[in-house]
Structures are given as C-alpha cells and as structure tokens.
PDB file of N, CA and C in Angstrom:
ATOM      1  N   MET A   1     -19.839 -35.499  10.941  1.00  0.00           N
ATOM      2  CA  MET A   1     -18.997 -36.208  12.126  1.00  0.00           C
ATOM      3  C   MET A   1     -17.331 -35.338  11.859  1.00  0.00           C
ATOM      4  N   ILE A   2     -17.122 -35.941  10.416  1.00  0.00           N
ATOM      5  CA  ILE A   2     -15.758 -35.107  10.008  1.00  0.00           C
ATOM      6  C   ILE A   2     -15.372 -33.575  10.045  1.00  0.00           C
ATOM      7  N   GLU A   3     -16.714 -32.620   9.673  1.00  0.00           N
ATOM      8  CA  GLU A   3     -16.456 -31.329   9.950  1.00  0.00           C
ATOM      9  C   GLU A   3     -16.135 -30.825  11.311  1.00  0.00           C
ATOM     10  N   ASN A   4     -17.089 -31.653  12.158  1.00  0.00           N
ATOM     11  CA  ASN A   4     -16.715 -31.489  13.838  1.00  0.00           C
ATOM     12  C   ASN A   4     -15.701 -31.442  13.954  1.00  0.00           C
ATOM     13  N   ASN A   5     -15.010 -32.549  13.761  1.00  0.00           N
ATOM     14  CA  ASN A   5     -13.371 -32.400  14.279  1.00  0.00           C
ATOM     15  C   ASN A   5     -12.681 -31.645  13.578  1.00  0.00           C
ATOM     16  N   ILE A   6     -12.751 -31.071  12.734  1.00  0.00           N
ATOM     17  CA  ILE A   6     -11.923 -30.004  11.707  1.00  0.00           C
ATOM     18  C   ILE A   6     -12.372 -29.059  12.501  1.00  0.00           C
ATOM     19  N   GLN A   7     -13.626 -28.556  12.905  1.00  0.00           N
ATOM     20  CA  GLN A   7     -14.056 -27.275  13.564  1.00  0.00           C
ATOM     21  C   GLN A   7     -13.274 -27.263  15.062  1.00  0.00           C
ATOM     22  N   ILE A   8     -13.102 -28.496  15.485  1.00  0.00           N
ATOM     23  CA  ILE A   8     -12.864 -28.399  17.006  1.00  0.00           C
ATOM     24  C   ILE A   8     -10.980 -28.507  16.620  1.00  0.00           C
ATOM     25  N   ILE A   9     -10.482 -28.739  15.965  1.00  0.00           N
ATOM     26  CA  ILE A   9      -8.983 -28.712  15.728  1.00  0.00           C
ATOM     27  C   ILE A   9      -9.162 -27.552  15.116  1.00  0.00           C
ATOM     28  N   TRP A  10      -9.687 -26.406  14.567  1.00  0.00           N
ATOM     29  CA  TRP A  10      -9.537 -25.258  13.961  1.00  0.00           C
ATOM     30  C   TRP A  10      -9.685 -24.437  15.453  1.00  0.00           C
ATOM     31  N   VAL A  11     -10.544 -24.528  16.165  1.00  0.00           N
ATOM     32  CA  VAL A  11     -10.660 -23.904  17.472  1.00  0.00           C
ATOM     33  C   VAL A  11      -9.961 -23.698  18.612  1.00  0.00           C
ATOM     34  N   SER A  12      -9.127 -24.930  18.729  1.00  0.00           N
ATOM     35  CA  SER A  12      -8.289 -25.355  19.348  1.00  0.00           C
ATOM     36  C   SER A  12      -6.638 -24.920  18.652  1.00  0.00           C
ATOM     37  N   LEU A  13      -6.419 -24.841  17.637  1.00  0.00           N
ATOM     38  CA  LEU A  13      -5.663 -24.101  17.399  1.00  0.00           C
ATOM     39  C   LEU A  13      -5.522 -22.437  17.572  1.00  0.00           C
ATOM     40  N   LEU A  14      -6.398 -22.018  17.126  1.00  0.00           N
ATOM     41  CA  LEU A  14      -6.700 -20.363  17.354  1.00  0.00           C
ATOM     42  C   LEU A  14      -7.011 -19.976  18.604  1.00  0.00           C
ATOM     43  N   ALA A  15      -6.934 -20.687  19.426  1.00  0.00           N
ATOM     44  CA  ALA A  15      -7.143 -20.852  20.904  1.00  0.00           C
ATOM     45  C   ALA A  15      -5.473 -20.701  21.236  1.00  0.00           C
ATOM     46  N   LEU A  16      -5.183 -22.045  20.720  1.00  0.00           N
ATOM     47  CA  LEU A  16      -3.146 -21.853  21.074  1.00  0.00           C
ATOM     48  C   LEU A  16      -2.657 -20.928  20.835  1.00  0.00           C
ATOM     49  N   GLY A  17      -3.158 -20.294  19.335  1.00  0.00           N
ATOM     50  CA  GLY A  17      -2.601 -18.760  18.961  1.00  0.00           C
ATOM     51  C   GLY A  17      -2.781 -17.851  19.823  1.00  0.00           C
ATOM     52  N   LEU A  18      -4.127 -17.583  20.464  1.00  0.00           N
ATOM     53  CA  LEU A  18      -4.022 -16.390  20.940  1.00  0.00           C
ATOM     54  C   LEU A  18      -3.461 -16.704  22.632  1.00  0.00           C
ATOM     55  N   VAL A  19      -3.701 -18.029  23.121  1.00  0.00           N
ATOM     56  CA  VAL A  19      -2.621 -18.296  24.222  1.00  0.00           C
ATOM     57  C   VAL A  19      -1.349 -17.464  23.912  1.00  0.00           C
ATOM     58  N   LYS A  20      -0.422 -18.187  22.950  1.00  0.00           N
ATOM     59  CA  LYS A  20       0.809 -17.623  22.150  1.00  0.00           C
ATOM     60  C   LYS A  20       1.113 -16.075  22.151  1.00  0.00           C
ATOM     61  N   VAL A  21      -0.054 -15.515  21.781  1.00  0.00           N
ATOM     62  CA  VAL A  21      -0.046 -14.056  21.637  1.00  0.00           C
ATOM     63  C   VAL A  21      -0.126 -13.267  22.981  1.00  0.00           C
ATOM     64  N   ILE A  22      -1.042 -13.813  23.689  1.00  0.00           N
ATOM     65  CA  ILE A  22      -0.867 -13.041  25.150  1.00  0.00           C
ATOM     66  C   ILE A  22       0.203 -13.139  25.981  1.00  0.00           C
ATOM     67  N   ILE A  23       0.997 -14.555  26.050  1.00  0.00           N
ATOM     68  CA  ILE A  23       2.224 -14.507  26.607  1.00  0.00           C
ATOM     69  C   ILE A  23       2.995 -13.922  25.890  1.00  0.00           C
ATOM     70  N   ILE A  24       3.296 -13.367  24.590  1.00  0.00           N
ATOM     71  CA  ILE A  24       4.120 -12.797  24.176  1.00  0.00           C
ATOM     72  C   ILE A  24       4.022 -11.188  24.551  1.00  0.00           C
ATOM     73  N   VAL A  25       2.375 -10.706  24.341  1.00  0.00           N
ATOM     74  CA  VAL A  25       2.525  -9.630  24.790  1.00  0.00           C
ATOM     75  C   VAL A  25       2.583  -9.471  26.168  1.00  0.00           C
ATOM     76  N   VAL A  26       2.287 -10.263  27.217  1.00  0.00           N
ATOM     77  CA  VAL A  26       2.969 -10.390  28.730  1.00  0.00           C
ATOM     78  C   VAL A  26       4.593  -9.972  28.580  1.00  0.00           C
ATOM     79  N   ILE A  27       5.266 -10.970  27.823  1.00  0.00           N
ATOM     80  CA  ILE A  27       6.659 -10.731  27.796  1.00  0.00           C
ATOM     81  C   ILE A  27       7.263  -9.562  27.260  1.00  0.00           C
ATOM     82  N   ILE A  28       6.680  -9.129  26.424  1.00  0.00           N
ATOM     83  CA  ILE A  28       7.213  -7.738  25.794  1.00  0.00           C
ATOM     84  C   ILE A  28       6.760  -6.505  26.907  1.00  0.00           C
ATOM     85  N   GLY A  29       5.587  -6.444  27.775  1.00  0.00           N
ATOM     86  CA  GLY A  29       5.198  -5.752  28.483  1.00  0.00           C
ATOM     87  C   GLY A  29       6.605  -5.867  29.675  1.00  0.00           C
ATOM     88  N   ILE A  30       6.841  -7.025  30.231  1.00  0.00           N
ATOM     89  CA  ILE A  30       7.494  -6.943  30.974  1.00  0.00           C
ATOM     90  C   ILE A  30       9.229  -6.636  30.355  1.00  0.00           C
ATOM     91  N   LEU A  31       9.374  -6.562  28.772  1.00  0.00           N
ATOM     92  CA  LEU A  31      10.738  -6.636  28.952  1.00  0.00           C
ATOM     93  C   LEU A  31      10.897  -5.028  28.441  1.00  0.00           C
ATOM     94  N   SER A  32       9.317  -4.411  27.979  1.00  0.00           N
ATOM     95  CA  SER A  32       9.430  -2.815  27.811  1.00  0.00           C
ATOM     96  C   SER A  32       9.897  -1.818  29.472  1.00  0.00           C
ATOM     97  N   LYS A  33       9.357  -2.881  30.682  1.00  0.00           N
ATOM     98  CA  LYS A  33       9.450  -1.953  31.822  1.00  0.00           C
ATOM     99  C   LYS A  33      11.148  -2.158  32.533  1.00  0.00           C
ATOM    100  N   ILE A  34      11.624  -2.962  31.948  1.00  0.00           N
ATOM    101  CA  ILE A  34      12.697  -3.429  32.378  1.00  0.00           C
ATOM    102  C   ILE A  34      14.055  -2.445  30.933  1.00  0.00           C
ATOM    103  N   GLN A  35      13.545  -2.829  30.245  1.00  0.00           N
ATOM    104  CA  GLN A  35      14.682  -2.114  29.153  1.00  0.00           C
ATOM    105  C   GLN A  35      13.487  -1.721  27.716  1.00  0.00           C
ATOM    106  N   PRO A  36      13.470  -0.596  27.909  1.00  0.00           N
ATOM    107  CA  PRO A  36      12.548   0.195  26.792  1.00  0.00           C
ATOM    108  C   PRO A  36      13.002  -0.368  25.681  1.00  0.00           C
ATOM    109  N   ILE A  37      14.203  -0.530  25.260  1.00  0.00           N
ATOM    110  CA  ILE A  37      14.657  -1.222  23.833  1.00  0.00           C
ATOM    111  C   ILE A  37      14.724  -2.338  23.496  1.00  0.00           C
ATOM    112  N   LEU A  38      14.654  -3.281  24.369  1.00  0.00           N
ATOM    113  CA  LEU A  38      14.694  -4.370  24.260  1.00  0.00           C
ATOM    114  C   LEU A  38      13.023  -5.032  23.683  1.00  0.00           C
ATOM    115  N   GLY A  39      11.834  -4.126  24.724  1.00  0.00           N
ATOM    116  CA  GLY A  39      10.840  -4.221  24.481  1.00  0.00           C
ATOM    117  C   GLY A  39      10.392  -4.062  23.146  1.00  0.00           C
ATOM    118  N   LEU A  40      10.817  -2.744  22.518  1.00  0.00           N
ATOM    119  CA  LEU A  40      10.658  -2.400  21.230  1.00  0.00           C
ATOM    120  C   LEU A  40      11.065  -3.102  20.074  1.00  0.00           C
ATOM    121  N   LEU A  41      12.509  -3.820  20.649  1.00  0.00           N
ATOM    122  CA  LEU A  41      12.806  -4.947  19.362  1.00  0.00           C
ATOM    123  C   LEU A  41      11.644  -6.155  19.474  1.00  0.00           C
ATOM    124  N   ALA A  42      11.589  -6.551  20.769  1.00  0.00           N
ATOM    125  CA  ALA A  42      10.442  -7.528  20.574  1.00  0.00           C
ATOM    126  C   ALA A  42       9.482  -7.340  20.150  1.00  0.00           C
ATOM    127  N   SER A  43       8.492  -6.424  19.898  1.00  0.00           N
ATOM    128  CA  SER A  43       7.573  -5.659  19.559  1.00  0.00           C
ATOM    129  C   SER A  43       7.499  -5.840  18.233  1.00  0.00           C
ATOM    130  N   ILE A  44       8.454  -5.050  17.171  1.00  0.00           N
ATOM    131  CA  ILE A  44       8.891  -5.300  16.055  1.00  0.00           C
ATOM    132  C   ILE A  44       8.967  -6.564  15.626  1.00  0.00           C
ATOM    133  N   LEU A  45       9.893  -7.373  16.258  1.00  0.00           N
ATOM    134  CA  LEU A  45       9.867  -8.840  16.014  1.00  0.00           C
ATOM    135  C   LEU A  45       8.593  -9.676  15.606  1.00  0.00           C
ATOM    136  N   PHE A  46       7.641  -9.168  17.054  1.00  0.00           N
ATOM    137  CA  PHE A  46       6.504 -10.002  17.076  1.00  0.00           C
ATOM    138  C   PHE A  46       5.296  -9.481  15.627  1.00  0.00           C
ATOM    139  N   ILE A  47       5.635  -8.185  15.431  1.00  0.00           N
ATOM    140  CA  ILE A  47       4.707  -7.939  14.455  1.00  0.00           C
ATOM    141  C   ILE A  47       5.034  -8.427  13.154  1.00  0.00           C
ATOM    142  N   ALA A  48       6.353  -8.307  12.880  1.00  0.00           N
ATOM    143  CA  ALA A  48       6.742  -9.100  11.775  1.00  0.00           C
ATOM    144  C   ALA A  48       6.363 -10.459  11.617  1.00  0.00           C
ATOM    145  N   TYR A  49       6.329 -11.473  12.591  1.00  0.00           N
ATOM    146  CA  TYR A  49       5.945 -12.682  12.948  1.00  0.00           C
ATOM    147  C   TYR A  49       4.734 -12.819  12.609  1.00  0.00           C
ATOM    148  N   LEU A  50       3.884 -11.991  12.949  1.00  0.00           N
ATOM    149  CA  LEU A  50       2.520 -11.768  12.803  1.00  0.00           C
ATOM    150  C   LEU A  50       2.112 -12.145  11.048  1.00  0.00           C
ATOM    151  N   LEU A  51       2.678 -10.726  10.665  1.00  0.00           N
ATOM    152  CA  LEU A  51       2.414 -10.633   9.382  1.00  0.00           C
ATOM    153  C   LEU A  51       2.655 -11.862   8.170  1.00  0.00           C
ATOM    154  N   HIS A  52       3.871 -12.390   9.246  1.00  0.00           N
ATOM    155  CA  HIS A  52       4.396 -13.659   8.163  1.00  0.00           C
ATOM    156  C   HIS A  52       3.474 -14.689   8.463  1.00  0.00           C
ATOM    157  N   TRP A  53       2.699 -14.700   9.633  1.00  0.00           N
ATOM    158  CA  TRP A  53       2.068 -15.849   9.629  1.00  0.00           C
ATOM    159  C   TRP A  53       0.788 -15.733   9.199  1.00  0.00           C
ATOM    160  N   ILE A  54       0.321 -14.198   8.708  1.00  0.00           N
ATOM    161  CA  ILE A  54      -1.174 -14.273   8.088  1.00  0.00           C
ATOM    162  C   ILE A  54      -0.926 -14.028   6.977  1.00  0.00           C
ATOM    163  N   GLY A  55       0.450 -13.897   6.171  1.00  0.00           N
ATOM    164  CA  GLY A  55       0.580 -13.565   4.777  1.00  0.00           C
ATOM    165  C   GLY A  55       0.606 -15.454   4.358  1.00  0.00           C
TER     166      GLY A  55
END
C-alpha cells in the first residue's frame, strides 16, 4: 500500500515536471520568435536549471 502511494507521488511529480518543461519550451519558442536573443538566454538558463535539477 505504501509502495503504491510512493509510486503515485513519484509519477505525479514526474508529470508535473514534464508539464513545467513543456510550458517552458513553449515560452522559449514564443520568446525566440519575438526576440531571438531573449529566447537564447531563456534556453541557456533552462538548460542550466535542468542540469542543476538532475545533478
């Protein structure tokens, strides 16, 4: 029972993480169309954040 709850929490955290990633990618895409430099900066920050999050 406890293992199931942990799996559900883990899956929901992963899903939330994916949703955040998708939203950020969309924002970066929009920024890239409006201001290429802003899009580039946003993607660099995002990659740095991902590396920090994984590490």
